[in-house]
Protein backbone atom coordinates (compact mmCIF):
# COMPACT_ATOMS: atom_id res chain seq x y z
CA MET A 1 35.19 42.70 -90.62
CA THR A 2 32.31 42.01 -88.24
CA THR A 3 32.68 42.93 -84.56
CA LYS A 4 30.90 40.47 -82.31
CA VAL A 5 29.07 41.88 -79.28
CA LEU A 6 27.95 39.67 -76.39
CA VAL A 7 25.16 40.98 -74.15
CA ILE A 8 24.88 38.94 -70.95
CA ALA A 9 21.66 39.44 -68.97
CA LEU A 10 22.19 37.90 -65.53
CA ALA A 11 19.02 37.95 -63.41
CA SER A 12 17.96 41.05 -65.34
CA ASN A 13 14.86 41.86 -67.35
CA LEU A 14 16.62 44.57 -69.32
CA ASP A 15 17.12 43.93 -73.03
CA ILE A 16 19.08 46.46 -75.03
CA THR A 17 20.03 44.18 -77.92
CA GLY A 18 17.45 45.72 -80.26
CA GLU A 19 18.65 49.23 -79.48
CA LEU A 20 22.28 48.21 -79.81
CA SER A 21 21.59 46.70 -83.22
CA SER A 22 19.96 49.95 -84.30
CA ILE A 23 22.71 52.13 -82.84
CA LEU A 24 25.72 50.12 -84.04
CA GLY A 25 24.25 49.09 -87.38
CA PRO A 26 26.01 46.98 -90.04
CA GLY A 27 29.33 45.44 -89.14
CA TYR A 28 28.23 44.37 -85.66
CA GLU A 29 26.81 40.98 -84.71
CA ILE A 30 24.99 41.02 -81.37
CA THR A 31 24.36 37.89 -79.30
CA LEU A 32 22.09 37.90 -76.24
CA LEU A 33 22.68 35.45 -73.40
CA ARG A 34 19.69 35.68 -71.08
CA GLY A 35 19.06 33.93 -67.78
CA ALA A 36 22.54 32.47 -67.63
CA ASP A 37 24.04 30.16 -65.06
CA ARG A 38 27.73 29.23 -64.85
CA GLN A 39 27.42 26.45 -67.41
CA LYS A 40 25.91 28.82 -69.99
CA LEU A 41 28.54 31.44 -69.18
CA ASP A 42 31.31 28.88 -69.62
CA MET A 43 29.93 27.85 -72.99
CA ALA A 44 29.47 31.42 -74.21
CA LEU A 45 32.92 32.54 -73.11
CA ASP A 46 34.96 29.42 -73.83
CA GLY A 47 37.05 31.25 -76.43
CA ARG A 48 35.69 29.56 -79.54
CA THR A 49 33.86 32.80 -80.34
CA GLN A 50 35.88 35.95 -79.85
CA TYR A 51 33.89 39.05 -78.88
CA GLY A 52 35.03 42.62 -79.35
CA ILE A 53 32.57 43.95 -76.77
CA VAL A 54 31.10 42.30 -73.69
CA HIS A 55 28.13 44.09 -72.11
CA ILE A 56 26.84 42.63 -68.84
CA GLN A 57 23.46 43.57 -67.37
CA ALA A 58 23.00 42.17 -63.89
CA CYS A 59 22.02 42.61 -60.31
CA GLY A 60 25.26 43.19 -58.50
CA GLY A 61 27.08 43.94 -55.32
CA VAL A 62 30.60 44.78 -54.29
CA SER A 63 32.95 42.48 -56.27
CA LYS A 64 30.20 40.12 -57.43
CA LEU A 65 27.33 39.64 -59.86
CA VAL A 66 24.23 37.49 -59.43
CA ALA A 67 23.68 34.65 -61.91
CA ASP A 68 20.74 32.25 -61.98
CA ASP A 69 22.61 29.76 -59.81
CA GLY A 70 24.13 32.21 -57.35
CA PRO A 71 26.77 34.92 -57.02
CA VAL A 72 29.64 35.18 -59.51
CA SER A 73 32.75 36.58 -57.85
CA GLU A 74 35.26 38.94 -59.39
CA ALA A 75 37.80 36.12 -59.72
CA GLU A 76 35.25 33.85 -61.44
CA LEU A 77 34.25 36.59 -63.88
CA VAL A 78 37.89 37.29 -64.73
CA THR A 79 38.44 33.59 -65.41
CA LEU A 80 35.41 33.54 -67.71
CA VAL A 81 36.25 36.66 -69.70
CA GLU A 82 40.02 36.25 -69.99
CA SER A 83 39.50 33.83 -72.90
CA GLN A 84 38.49 36.82 -75.03
CA GLY A 85 41.62 38.05 -76.76
CA CYS A 86 40.00 40.65 -79.03
CA LEU A 87 38.14 42.72 -76.44
CA GLN A 88 37.89 46.43 -77.07
CA PHE A 89 36.05 47.20 -73.82
CA VAL A 90 33.68 45.74 -71.20
CA VAL A 91 30.56 47.37 -69.74
CA VAL A 92 29.11 46.03 -66.48
CA ALA A 93 25.68 47.61 -65.98
CA ALA A 94 25.22 46.51 -62.38
CA CYS A 95 24.93 48.23 -59.02
CA ASP A 96 28.20 48.71 -57.13
CA SER A 97 30.24 47.17 -59.94
CA TYR A 98 33.15 49.61 -59.68
CA GLU A 99 35.50 47.31 -57.78
CA LEU A 100 34.55 44.34 -59.95
CA VAL A 101 35.33 46.16 -63.21
CA GLY A 102 38.58 47.31 -61.62
CA GLY A 103 39.54 43.68 -61.18
CA LEU A 104 38.51 42.95 -64.76
CA HIS A 105 40.63 45.77 -66.09
CA ASN A 106 43.65 44.81 -64.01
CA ALA A 107 43.46 41.29 -65.48
CA LEU A 108 42.40 42.08 -69.07
CA HIS A 109 43.96 45.52 -69.58
CA VAL A 110 41.06 46.90 -71.59
CA PRO A 111 38.78 49.84 -70.71
CA CYS A 112 35.98 48.80 -68.36
CA VAL A 113 32.85 50.75 -67.41
CA GLY A 114 30.83 50.26 -64.23
CA TYR A 115 28.95 52.02 -61.44
CA ASN A 116 30.20 52.91 -57.96
CA ALA A 117 26.72 52.82 -56.36
CA PRO A 118 23.23 51.39 -56.93
CA ILE A 119 21.94 52.54 -60.34
CA ASP A 120 18.39 53.00 -61.58
CA ASP A 121 17.53 50.59 -64.43
CA ARG A 122 16.19 53.38 -66.62
CA ALA A 123 19.36 55.40 -66.07
CA ALA A 124 21.51 52.39 -66.96
CA VAL A 125 19.63 51.96 -70.24
CA GLU A 126 19.88 55.67 -71.04
CA PHE A 127 23.61 55.67 -70.36
CA SER A 128 24.07 52.67 -72.65
CA ARG A 129 22.18 54.41 -75.48
CA ALA A 130 24.25 57.60 -75.25
CA PHE A 131 27.49 55.72 -74.67
CA TYR A 132 27.19 53.46 -77.73
CA ARG A 133 26.03 56.29 -79.99
CA ALA A 134 29.09 58.33 -79.04
CA TRP A 135 31.44 55.34 -79.27
CA LYS A 136 30.14 54.42 -82.74
CA ARG A 137 30.92 57.94 -83.95
CA SER A 138 34.30 58.44 -82.28
CA GLY A 139 35.70 55.02 -81.35
CA ASP A 140 36.87 56.68 -78.11
CA VAL A 141 35.65 54.95 -74.94
CA ALA A 142 36.55 57.85 -72.63
CA LEU A 143 34.69 60.34 -74.82
CA ALA A 144 31.71 57.97 -75.03
CA VAL A 145 31.58 57.73 -71.22
CA ASP A 146 31.58 61.52 -70.99
CA ARG A 147 28.68 61.72 -73.46
CA GLY A 148 26.80 59.08 -71.51
CA ARG A 149 27.28 61.02 -68.29
CA GLU A 150 26.09 64.22 -69.99
CA SER A 151 22.92 62.46 -71.10
CA LEU A 152 22.29 61.20 -67.57
CA ALA A 153 22.94 64.66 -66.15
CA VAL A 154 19.97 65.93 -68.16
CA LEU A 155 17.52 63.08 -67.58
CA TYR A 156 18.73 61.51 -64.30
CA PRO A 157 21.00 64.07 -62.63
CA SER A 158 21.64 62.06 -59.46
CA GLU A 159 22.80 59.02 -61.46
CA ALA A 160 25.43 60.69 -63.65
CA PRO A 161 28.25 60.79 -61.04
CA LYS A 162 27.92 57.04 -60.47
CA VAL A 163 29.40 56.07 -63.84
CA ARG A 164 33.06 55.10 -63.71
CA LEU A 165 35.54 54.34 -66.47
CA ILE A 166 38.62 52.37 -65.48
CA ASN A 167 41.39 52.57 -68.03
CA GLY A 168 44.51 52.26 -65.94
CA ASP A 169 45.34 49.76 -63.19
CA MET A 170 43.58 50.47 -59.93
CA VAL A 171 43.90 48.98 -56.46
CA THR A 172 40.90 46.76 -55.85
CA PRO A 173 40.36 45.04 -52.47
CA SER A 174 41.53 41.71 -53.86
CA ALA A 175 44.62 43.25 -55.45
CA PHE A 176 45.33 45.19 -52.25
CA GLY A 177 44.94 42.03 -50.17
CA ALA A 178 47.33 40.11 -52.41
CA CYS A 179 49.83 42.96 -52.23
CA MET A 180 49.59 43.10 -48.43
CA GLY A 181 50.07 39.32 -48.30
CA ARG A 182 53.33 39.64 -50.24
CA ILE A 183 54.41 42.51 -47.98
CA ASP A 184 53.68 40.42 -44.85
CA GLU A 185 55.73 37.54 -46.24
CA ARG A 186 58.61 39.88 -46.99
CA LEU A 187 58.42 41.43 -43.52
CA GLU A 188 58.51 37.97 -41.92
CA ALA A 189 61.57 37.07 -43.98
CA MET A 190 63.24 40.36 -43.00
CA GLY A 191 62.40 39.67 -39.34
CA ALA A 192 64.09 36.27 -39.54
CA GLN A 193 67.13 37.89 -41.16
CA LEU A 194 67.29 40.50 -38.38
CA VAL A 195 67.19 37.78 -35.70
CA GLY A 196 70.10 36.05 -37.42
CA ILE A 197 72.03 39.32 -37.60
CA GLU A 198 71.42 39.99 -33.90
CA GLU A 199 72.67 36.52 -32.99
CA ARG A 200 75.82 37.05 -35.03
CA LEU A 201 76.36 40.45 -33.38
CA ASP A 202 75.99 38.87 -29.95
CA ARG A 203 78.65 36.33 -30.85
CA MET A 204 80.88 39.08 -32.19
CA ASP A 205 80.42 41.06 -28.96
CA ALA A 206 81.72 38.05 -27.00
CA TYR A 207 84.96 37.83 -29.00
CA PRO A 208 86.53 41.12 -27.80
CA ARG A 209 85.84 40.22 -24.17
CA ARG A 210 87.60 36.87 -24.58
CA TRP A 211 90.61 38.47 -26.21
CA LEU A 212 90.66 41.11 -23.48
CA TYR A 213 90.90 38.41 -20.83
CA VAL A 214 93.66 36.66 -22.78
CA GLY A 215 95.50 39.95 -23.22
CA LEU A 216 95.25 40.75 -19.51
CA LEU A 217 96.56 37.30 -18.60
CA LEU A 218 99.48 37.64 -21.02
CA GLY A 219 100.20 41.11 -19.62
CA VAL A 220 100.25 39.81 -16.07
CA LEU A 221 102.57 36.97 -17.08
CA LEU A 222 104.86 39.42 -18.85
CA ILE A 223 105.03 41.66 -15.80
CA VAL A 224 105.71 38.71 -13.57
CA ALA A 225 108.40 37.57 -15.95
CA GLN A 226 110.01 41.01 -16.07
CA VAL A 227 109.91 41.47 -12.31
CA GLY A 228 110.91 37.92 -11.45
CA THR A 229 113.73 37.50 -13.93
CA PRO A 230 116.39 39.44 -11.92
CA PHE A 231 115.59 37.51 -8.76
CA LEU A 232 115.70 34.25 -10.68
CA ASN A 233 119.06 35.16 -12.22
CA ALA A 234 120.46 36.06 -8.80
CA ALA A 235 119.28 32.80 -7.34
CA LEU A 236 120.86 30.90 -10.17
CA ILE A 237 124.17 32.72 -9.65
CA ARG A 238 124.19 31.90 -5.95
CA ILE A 239 123.58 28.25 -6.48
CA GLY A 240 125.89 28.03 -9.43
CA PRO A 241 129.29 26.21 -9.41
């Protein structure tokens, strides 16, 4: 069975398709999408072709990539890639792509690799070489990331710590914002409930006072009745027949 690999080069002059073909060898079909805008991305990722690996090379920033026709947000990228039901992993070789790949993983639930800082182009290519060699041998993404970092530690020591593998849900800014929004809504609802409870308690506090006044009045009437009854009886006797 052939595994299809899509390499997307957004505003990037890097081309690793030849090296990937050599590293992965038979059984892998590699497609390069270069100089893509949203229309090309939509066509490539419309679901008619199912890719096992998506490798994105791009200029990036926090929670976005740069396509030919402007920035692609995390939400837009998730919408594009979620049509791929056979993904084994995603690599985003772009500066500051850590939060973006976190959003991808949270939506797609596959291992995603990115960088938590600006990355040198040569280091990104070297990591990809070492990563895919190790993955081809082991089929283990985490182990392949470790081997890629080890290779960078030798050739580009300052770049090695920037590589990040996300293989477990993480809190991205967008996910955190959505969570806080739900919390705010819940707190508002709880606040309204507390106001209602306080109003009911105020009404309940008024009831004992009313009954106290009624009780005092009844007590006074009873005392008056007890004290006045003998005098009333005596008066009735005197005016009787």
